[in-house]
Amino acid sequence: MNELQEKLKSILDKYENVKETLNSQKEFDQKEFVKLSKEFAELSDLAKEIKLFFAKTKELEETLEIADSSEDKDLKIMAEEEIPELKKELEKIENNIKILLLPKDIDDEKGAILEVRAGTGGDEAGLFAADLFKMYELYAVIHGWKFEVLELSGTGIGSIKEASASISGKGVFARLKFESGVHRVQRVPETEASGRIHTSAATVAVLPEAEEVDIQINENDLQIDTYRASGAGGQHVNKTDSAVRITHIPTGTVVAVQDERSQHKNKAKAMKILRSKIYENEKQKQESSRSENRKIQVGSGDRSERIRTYNFPQGRVSDHRVNLTLYKIDKIMDGSALDEIIDKLIEFDQAEKLKNN
């Protein structure tokens, strides 16, 4: 047994031990049970691939033996024909195992805070920002995720200046984290009489949703201001000071929410966004010492980085990071084909990490 097989055997033994412990009649306290259940879930996919690896390795060894020493000519020819395909299958399984063994992003299983802002392009940029926000809402529905609007600052023509939402569910951040950046649109605005194509943009930010256990915020570090929600910016005009602006004094982070009629609800939403922003800032600081490693990621997640172009006249969407162009803009905008782009981004990111691992 070589070094790789020894390592895989060790992981498989660990998986079987955890499985056996969970299936035993032993009494667990809640903390221990949660820990074991999480470990079992994390090892399950890997164990499945490892079992497949050993089964396929054995099959290849037996086929090589037949091809090498069988006296039956037909059997020998059949075995020789099977060998290349078995080697190809084994290589694919090995690659899957390597991907599963890559260090996990601790935030991948978290929910996300999505922020969309209109960029350059006037009203058309605001309309495109609204289209993007709707695209992510539809995508969340397809995946069975919960999409909760936190803030929506718009105009009467259906455009938005900025909007934010909390998206919760399994693996939300893992699938949405590469969406951060500048999204550019090329299309003829409805108000354009000459039919000239305009280019405008919107920025997207996706932050891992931080819980209180992830980041502790001292109440004394907060400046909380209340004011009346503005009619044009919010969804309603309120005669009470329901809008909330929270400033985290040590970092200068400011979050304002006026979407709800209740000051209490607006404060809760603002704290959710604030916590995630501070968590993301702390994470970026910790990773700055490993800035070289960040180059292997698909983009930096910087909002100033142009990542994708949506060309409506040609019906195409191009992601510039992976040189992918799809001629199915309607299906991407309704969320049903967005996975085709996201899957490519994840594959590329994994391939780059494997090269640098």
Protein backbone atom coordinates (compact mmCIF):
# COMPACT_ATOMS: atom_id res chain seq x y z
CA MET A 1 0.00 0.00 0.00
CA ASN A 2 1.51 3.34 -1.06
CA GLU A 3 1.48 6.61 0.90
CA LEU A 4 -1.74 7.91 -0.69
CA GLN A 5 -3.57 4.66 -0.03
CA GLU A 6 -2.37 4.67 3.60
CA LYS A 7 -3.74 8.19 4.03
CA LEU A 8 -7.08 7.29 2.44
CA LYS A 9 -7.35 4.13 4.56
CA SER A 10 -6.78 6.25 7.67
CA ILE A 11 -9.58 8.66 6.66
CA LEU A 12 -11.91 5.74 5.95
CA ASP A 13 -11.14 4.22 9.38
CA LYS A 14 -11.94 7.56 11.00
CA TYR A 15 -15.25 7.76 9.13
CA GLU A 16 -16.22 4.23 10.18
CA ASN A 17 -15.31 4.98 13.82
CA VAL A 18 -17.47 8.15 13.85
CA LYS A 19 -20.33 6.25 12.18
CA GLU A 20 -20.05 3.41 14.71
CA THR A 21 -19.97 5.83 17.63
CA LEU A 22 -23.09 7.65 16.40
CA ASN A 23 -24.92 4.34 15.89
CA SER A 24 -23.97 3.04 19.35
CA GLN A 25 -26.28 3.18 22.34
CA LYS A 26 -23.94 5.62 24.07
CA GLU A 27 -25.51 8.67 25.71
CA PHE A 28 -24.17 11.95 24.24
CA ASP A 29 -24.44 15.45 25.54
CA GLN A 30 -25.76 17.92 22.94
CA LYS A 31 -22.37 19.51 22.22
CA GLU A 32 -20.65 16.15 21.60
CA PHE A 33 -23.52 14.91 19.41
CA VAL A 34 -23.44 18.06 17.25
CA LYS A 35 -19.65 17.76 16.87
CA LEU A 36 -19.82 14.09 15.82
CA SER A 37 -22.75 14.68 13.46
CA LYS A 38 -20.89 17.53 11.77
CA GLU A 39 -17.74 15.39 11.44
CA PHE A 40 -19.77 12.52 9.98
CA ALA A 41 -21.43 14.83 7.43
CA GLU A 42 -18.06 16.31 6.41
CA LEU A 43 -16.49 12.85 5.93
CA SER A 44 -19.43 11.19 4.13
CA ASP A 45 -18.75 12.40 0.57
CA LEU A 46 -15.02 11.79 0.97
CA ALA A 47 -15.57 8.26 2.34
CA LYS A 48 -17.83 7.46 -0.61
CA GLU A 49 -15.12 8.49 -3.09
CA ILE A 50 -12.41 6.62 -1.16
CA LYS A 51 -14.45 3.40 -1.21
CA LEU A 52 -14.92 3.87 -4.94
CA PHE A 53 -11.18 4.48 -5.30
CA PHE A 54 -10.24 1.20 -3.58
CA ALA A 55 -12.87 -0.76 -5.54
CA LYS A 56 -11.68 0.68 -8.84
CA THR A 57 -8.00 0.14 -7.91
CA LYS A 58 -8.72 -3.53 -7.19
CA GLU A 59 -10.63 -3.85 -10.48
CA LEU A 60 -7.70 -2.32 -12.39
CA GLU A 61 -5.17 -4.62 -10.68
CA GLU A 62 -7.24 -7.70 -11.57
CA THR A 63 -7.67 -6.52 -15.17
CA LEU A 64 -3.93 -5.87 -15.50
CA GLU A 65 -3.27 -9.37 -14.16
CA ILE A 66 -5.61 -10.90 -16.77
CA ALA A 67 -4.06 -8.86 -19.58
CA ASP A 68 -0.58 -9.87 -18.44
CA SER A 69 -0.98 -13.59 -17.74
CA SER A 70 -4.27 -14.97 -19.10
CA GLU A 71 -3.96 -17.79 -21.60
CA ASP A 72 -7.43 -17.06 -22.95
CA LYS A 73 -6.75 -14.86 -25.99
CA ASP A 74 -10.26 -13.28 -26.11
CA LEU A 75 -10.20 -12.55 -22.37
CA LYS A 76 -6.73 -11.03 -22.71
CA ILE A 77 -7.86 -8.71 -25.55
CA MET A 78 -10.97 -7.69 -23.59
CA ALA A 79 -8.86 -6.86 -20.53
CA GLU A 80 -6.40 -4.81 -22.59
CA GLU A 81 -9.30 -2.79 -24.01
CA GLU A 82 -10.70 -2.11 -20.52
CA ILE A 83 -7.42 -0.87 -18.98
CA PRO A 84 -7.36 2.68 -20.50
CA GLU A 85 -10.96 3.32 -19.44
CA LEU A 86 -10.33 2.02 -15.90
CA LYS A 87 -7.24 4.23 -15.59
CA LYS A 88 -9.28 7.22 -16.76
CA GLU A 89 -12.02 6.49 -14.20
CA LEU A 90 -9.44 6.06 -11.43
CA GLU A 91 -7.80 9.38 -12.35
CA LYS A 92 -11.18 11.12 -12.13
CA ILE A 93 -11.86 9.58 -8.69
CA GLU A 94 -8.39 10.64 -7.47
CA ASN A 95 -9.08 14.19 -8.64
CA ASN A 96 -12.43 14.22 -6.81
CA ILE A 97 -10.68 13.06 -3.64
CA LYS A 98 -8.01 15.76 -3.97
CA ILE A 99 -10.74 18.40 -4.31
CA LEU A 100 -12.55 17.06 -1.24
CA LEU A 101 -9.25 17.14 0.69
CA LEU A 102 -8.62 20.82 -0.14
CA PRO A 103 -8.80 23.15 2.88
CA LYS A 104 -12.39 24.27 3.29
CA ASP A 105 -13.44 27.91 3.39
CA ILE A 106 -14.89 28.13 6.90
CA ASP A 107 -17.66 30.36 5.57
CA ASP A 108 -18.85 28.10 2.73
CA GLU A 109 -21.77 26.66 4.67
CA LYS A 110 -22.90 30.05 5.96
CA GLY A 111 -25.72 32.15 4.64
CA ALA A 112 -24.87 35.41 2.87
CA ILE A 113 -25.62 39.10 2.90
CA LEU A 114 -26.16 40.23 -0.69
CA GLU A 115 -25.74 43.88 -1.62
CA VAL A 116 -26.52 45.29 -5.07
CA ARG A 117 -25.87 48.94 -5.99
CA ALA A 118 -26.49 50.89 -9.17
CA GLY A 119 -23.23 52.06 -10.74
CA THR A 120 -22.54 54.29 -13.72
CA GLY A 121 -25.35 54.76 -16.22
CA GLY A 122 -28.11 56.76 -14.53
CA ASP A 123 -31.64 55.30 -14.56
CA GLU A 124 -30.54 52.36 -16.74
CA ALA A 125 -27.96 51.35 -14.10
CA GLY A 126 -30.72 51.42 -11.47
CA LEU A 127 -32.99 49.27 -13.63
CA PHE A 128 -30.18 46.78 -14.21
CA ALA A 129 -29.43 46.69 -10.46
CA ALA A 130 -33.09 45.82 -9.90
CA ASP A 131 -32.85 43.06 -12.54
CA LEU A 132 -29.77 41.59 -10.83
CA PHE A 133 -31.42 41.69 -7.40
CA LYS A 134 -34.42 39.85 -8.84
CA MET A 135 -32.11 37.33 -10.54
CA TYR A 136 -30.55 36.39 -7.20
CA GLU A 137 -33.98 36.19 -5.55
CA LEU A 138 -35.19 33.77 -8.26
CA TYR A 139 -31.94 31.78 -7.97
CA ALA A 140 -32.49 31.49 -4.20
CA VAL A 141 -36.03 30.18 -4.77
CA ILE A 142 -34.71 27.52 -7.20
CA HIS A 143 -32.26 26.30 -4.52
CA GLY A 144 -34.85 26.35 -1.74
CA TRP A 145 -33.06 29.14 0.13
CA LYS A 146 -34.75 31.84 2.19
CA PHE A 147 -34.42 35.32 0.65
CA GLU A 148 -35.21 38.17 3.03
CA VAL A 149 -35.01 41.78 1.80
CA LEU A 150 -33.10 43.86 4.36
CA GLU A 151 -33.09 47.22 2.58
CA LEU A 152 -34.45 48.48 -0.72
CA SER A 153 -33.79 52.03 -1.82
CA GLY A 154 -35.46 52.64 -5.16
CA THR A 155 -37.36 55.01 -7.41
CA GLY A 156 -40.80 55.07 -8.91
CA ILE A 157 -39.64 53.67 -12.27
CA GLY A 158 -38.68 50.26 -10.90
CA SER A 159 -34.98 50.96 -10.53
CA ILE A 160 -32.97 50.70 -7.31
CA LYS A 161 -30.11 52.77 -5.95
CA GLU A 162 -29.13 49.98 -3.60
CA ALA A 163 -30.66 46.88 -2.09
CA SER A 164 -29.57 44.23 0.35
CA ALA A 165 -30.90 40.83 1.35
CA SER A 166 -30.15 38.01 3.74
CA ILE A 167 -29.98 34.63 1.99
CA SER A 168 -30.01 31.56 4.21
CA GLY A 169 -29.79 27.87 3.41
CA LYS A 170 -27.25 25.10 2.87
CA GLY A 171 -24.03 26.19 1.14
CA VAL A 172 -25.29 29.66 0.17
CA PHE A 173 -21.95 31.47 0.52
CA ALA A 174 -20.06 28.67 -1.27
CA ARG A 175 -22.17 29.23 -4.41
CA LEU A 176 -22.52 33.01 -4.30
CA LYS A 177 -19.09 34.18 -3.11
CA PHE A 178 -17.70 34.66 -6.63
CA GLU A 179 -20.54 37.04 -7.58
CA SER A 180 -18.86 40.04 -5.93
CA GLY A 181 -17.68 42.66 -8.40
CA VAL A 182 -18.89 44.90 -11.22
CA HIS A 183 -21.61 43.52 -13.49
CA ARG A 184 -21.85 45.41 -16.79
CA VAL A 185 -24.93 45.57 -19.02
CA GLN A 186 -25.23 46.47 -22.69
CA ARG A 187 -28.77 47.06 -23.93
CA VAL A 188 -31.14 49.63 -25.45
CA PRO A 189 -32.93 51.50 -22.64
CA GLU A 190 -36.71 51.76 -22.94
CA THR A 191 -36.33 55.54 -22.93
CA GLU A 192 -33.85 55.50 -25.85
CA ALA A 193 -35.78 56.67 -28.94
CA SER A 194 -32.92 56.14 -31.42
CA GLY A 195 -32.37 52.51 -30.42
CA ARG A 196 -28.75 53.15 -29.38
CA ILE A 197 -27.14 50.58 -27.09
CA HIS A 198 -26.09 51.96 -23.72
CA THR A 199 -23.50 50.50 -21.36
CA SER A 200 -24.09 50.78 -17.63
CA ALA A 201 -23.12 48.85 -14.52
CA ALA A 202 -24.08 47.67 -11.06
CA THR A 203 -21.89 46.43 -8.24
CA VAL A 204 -22.55 43.29 -6.25
CA ALA A 205 -21.09 42.35 -2.87
CA VAL A 206 -21.60 38.98 -1.18
CA LEU A 207 -20.59 38.74 2.47
CA PRO A 208 -20.70 35.65 4.69
CA GLU A 209 -23.52 36.12 7.17
CA ALA A 210 -21.92 36.38 10.58
CA GLU A 211 -23.61 35.13 13.73
CA GLU A 212 -23.06 36.61 17.17
CA VAL A 213 -20.68 33.75 17.95
CA ASP A 214 -18.53 34.78 14.96
CA ILE A 215 -18.09 38.40 15.90
CA GLN A 216 -18.70 40.13 19.21
CA ILE A 217 -19.78 43.78 18.98
CA ASN A 218 -19.56 46.01 22.04
CA GLU A 219 -22.71 48.12 22.39
CA ASN A 220 -20.52 51.01 23.63
CA ASP A 221 -18.81 51.04 20.21
CA LEU A 222 -22.08 51.80 18.41
CA GLN A 223 -23.63 55.14 17.57
CA ILE A 224 -27.32 54.62 16.76
CA ASP A 225 -29.29 57.36 15.04
CA THR A 226 -32.98 57.26 14.15
CA TYR A 227 -34.76 59.35 11.53
CA ARG A 228 -37.86 59.32 9.36
CA ALA A 229 -37.88 57.06 6.32
CA SER A 230 -37.84 59.02 3.08
CA GLY A 231 -40.66 58.35 0.64
CA ALA A 232 -38.51 58.12 -2.49
CA GLY A 233 -35.85 55.95 -0.93
CA GLY A 234 -38.01 53.55 1.06
CA GLN A 235 -41.11 51.57 0.39
CA HIS A 236 -43.29 53.88 2.47
CA VAL A 237 -43.45 57.28 4.11
CA ASN A 238 -43.39 56.99 7.89
CA LYS A 239 -44.43 59.71 10.30
CA THR A 240 -42.27 58.21 13.07
CA ASP A 241 -38.48 57.92 13.35
CA SER A 242 -38.42 54.27 12.24
CA ALA A 243 -35.30 54.43 10.04
CA VAL A 244 -32.06 53.41 11.78
CA ARG A 245 -28.44 54.28 11.06
CA ILE A 246 -25.77 52.41 13.04
CA THR A 247 -22.13 53.49 13.06
CA HIS A 248 -19.46 51.13 14.40
CA ILE A 249 -17.06 53.75 15.76
CA PRO A 250 -13.80 51.67 15.87
CA THR A 251 -14.03 50.70 12.18
CA GLY A 252 -16.13 53.56 10.81
CA THR A 253 -18.59 51.06 9.31
CA VAL A 254 -22.02 52.60 8.70
CA VAL A 255 -25.25 50.75 7.97
CA ALA A 256 -28.65 52.38 7.43
CA VAL A 257 -31.97 50.53 7.15
CA GLN A 258 -35.42 52.04 6.67
CA ASP A 259 -37.30 49.23 4.97
CA GLU A 260 -39.56 48.27 7.88
CA ARG A 261 -42.15 50.42 9.63
CA SER A 262 -40.79 49.21 12.96
CA GLN A 263 -37.66 50.83 14.37
CA HIS A 264 -36.93 47.60 16.26
CA LYS A 265 -37.02 45.51 13.05
CA ASN A 266 -34.87 48.02 11.18
CA LYS A 267 -32.30 47.94 13.98
CA ALA A 268 -32.23 44.11 13.91
CA LYS A 269 -31.67 44.12 10.13
CA ALA A 270 -28.99 46.82 10.39
CA MET A 271 -27.14 44.81 13.06
CA LYS A 272 -27.24 41.72 10.82
CA ILE A 273 -25.58 43.65 7.98
CA LEU A 274 -23.13 45.41 10.31
CA ARG A 275 -22.02 42.14 11.91
CA SER A 276 -21.32 40.61 8.48
CA LYS A 277 -19.40 43.66 7.27
CA ILE A 278 -17.17 43.73 10.36
CA TYR A 279 -16.66 39.96 10.12
CA GLU A 280 -15.64 40.29 6.46
CA ASN A 281 -13.22 43.14 7.28
CA GLU A 282 -11.60 41.06 10.01
CA LYS A 283 -11.34 38.10 7.65
CA GLN A 284 -9.68 40.25 4.98
CA LYS A 285 -7.14 41.49 7.54
CA GLN A 286 -6.28 37.94 8.59
CA GLU A 287 -5.87 36.87 4.98
CA SER A 288 -3.72 39.83 3.97
CA SER A 289 -0.66 37.97 5.24
CA ARG A 290 -1.55 35.23 2.75
CA SER A 291 -2.16 37.64 -0.13
CA GLU A 292 -0.19 35.50 -2.55
CA ASN A 293 -2.61 32.64 -1.96
CA ARG A 294 -5.53 34.94 -2.74
CA LYS A 295 -4.29 35.21 -6.32
CA ILE A 296 -5.44 31.66 -6.96
CA GLN A 297 -9.03 32.60 -6.24
CA VAL A 298 -11.43 33.51 -9.04
CA GLY A 299 -11.10 37.26 -8.70
CA SER A 300 -10.44 39.10 -5.50
CA GLY A 301 -14.08 39.77 -4.67
CA ASP A 302 -13.27 43.46 -5.04
CA ARG A 303 -16.33 45.46 -6.05
CA SER A 304 -14.19 47.52 -8.45
CA GLU A 305 -13.33 44.43 -10.51
CA ARG A 306 -15.43 43.94 -13.66
CA ILE A 307 -16.43 40.30 -13.67
CA ARG A 308 -19.31 39.85 -16.10
CA THR A 309 -21.06 41.45 -19.08
CA TYR A 310 -24.74 40.98 -19.96
CA ASN A 311 -25.34 41.84 -23.65
CA PHE A 312 -29.10 41.86 -24.25
CA PRO A 313 -29.15 42.55 -28.03
CA GLN A 314 -26.95 39.48 -28.61
CA GLY A 315 -28.60 37.44 -25.84
CA ARG A 316 -25.23 36.59 -24.30
CA VAL A 317 -23.60 36.67 -20.88
CA SER A 318 -19.80 36.60 -20.63
CA ASP A 319 -17.85 35.91 -17.44
CA HIS A 320 -14.42 37.46 -17.98
CA ARG A 321 -12.63 35.46 -15.28
CA VAL A 322 -13.16 32.06 -16.88
CA ASN A 323 -13.66 33.21 -20.50
CA LEU A 324 -17.14 31.70 -20.51
CA THR A 325 -19.87 32.99 -22.83
CA LEU A 326 -23.42 31.64 -22.80
CA TYR A 327 -26.14 32.63 -25.26
CA LYS A 328 -29.03 32.19 -22.84
CA ILE A 329 -29.43 35.54 -21.15
CA ASP A 330 -33.15 35.03 -20.36
CA LYS A 331 -32.47 31.79 -18.48
CA ILE A 332 -29.58 33.39 -16.58
CA MET A 333 -31.69 36.39 -15.59
CA ASP A 334 -34.50 34.14 -14.32
CA GLY A 335 -31.92 32.22 -12.25
CA SER A 336 -32.39 28.87 -14.00
CA ALA A 337 -29.05 28.89 -15.88
CA LEU A 338 -26.94 30.85 -13.39
CA ASP A 339 -25.53 27.58 -12.02
CA GLU A 340 -23.78 26.97 -15.36
CA ILE A 341 -21.62 30.04 -14.69
CA ILE A 342 -21.20 29.39 -10.97
CA ASP A 343 -20.19 25.74 -11.54
CA LYS A 344 -17.44 26.87 -13.95
CA LEU A 345 -16.17 29.42 -11.43
CA ILE A 346 -16.03 26.79 -8.68
CA GLU A 347 -14.28 24.29 -11.00
CA PHE A 348 -11.71 26.90 -12.01
CA ASP A 349 -11.09 27.89 -8.39
CA GLN A 350 -10.61 24.24 -7.39
CA ALA A 351 -8.24 23.59 -10.32
CA GLU A 352 -6.12 26.61 -9.39
CA LYS A 353 -5.98 25.53 -5.75
CA LEU A 354 -4.93 22.00 -6.78
CA LYS A 355 -2.10 23.47 -8.88
CA ASN A 356 -0.90 25.53 -5.93
CA ASN A 357 -1.52 22.99 -3.20
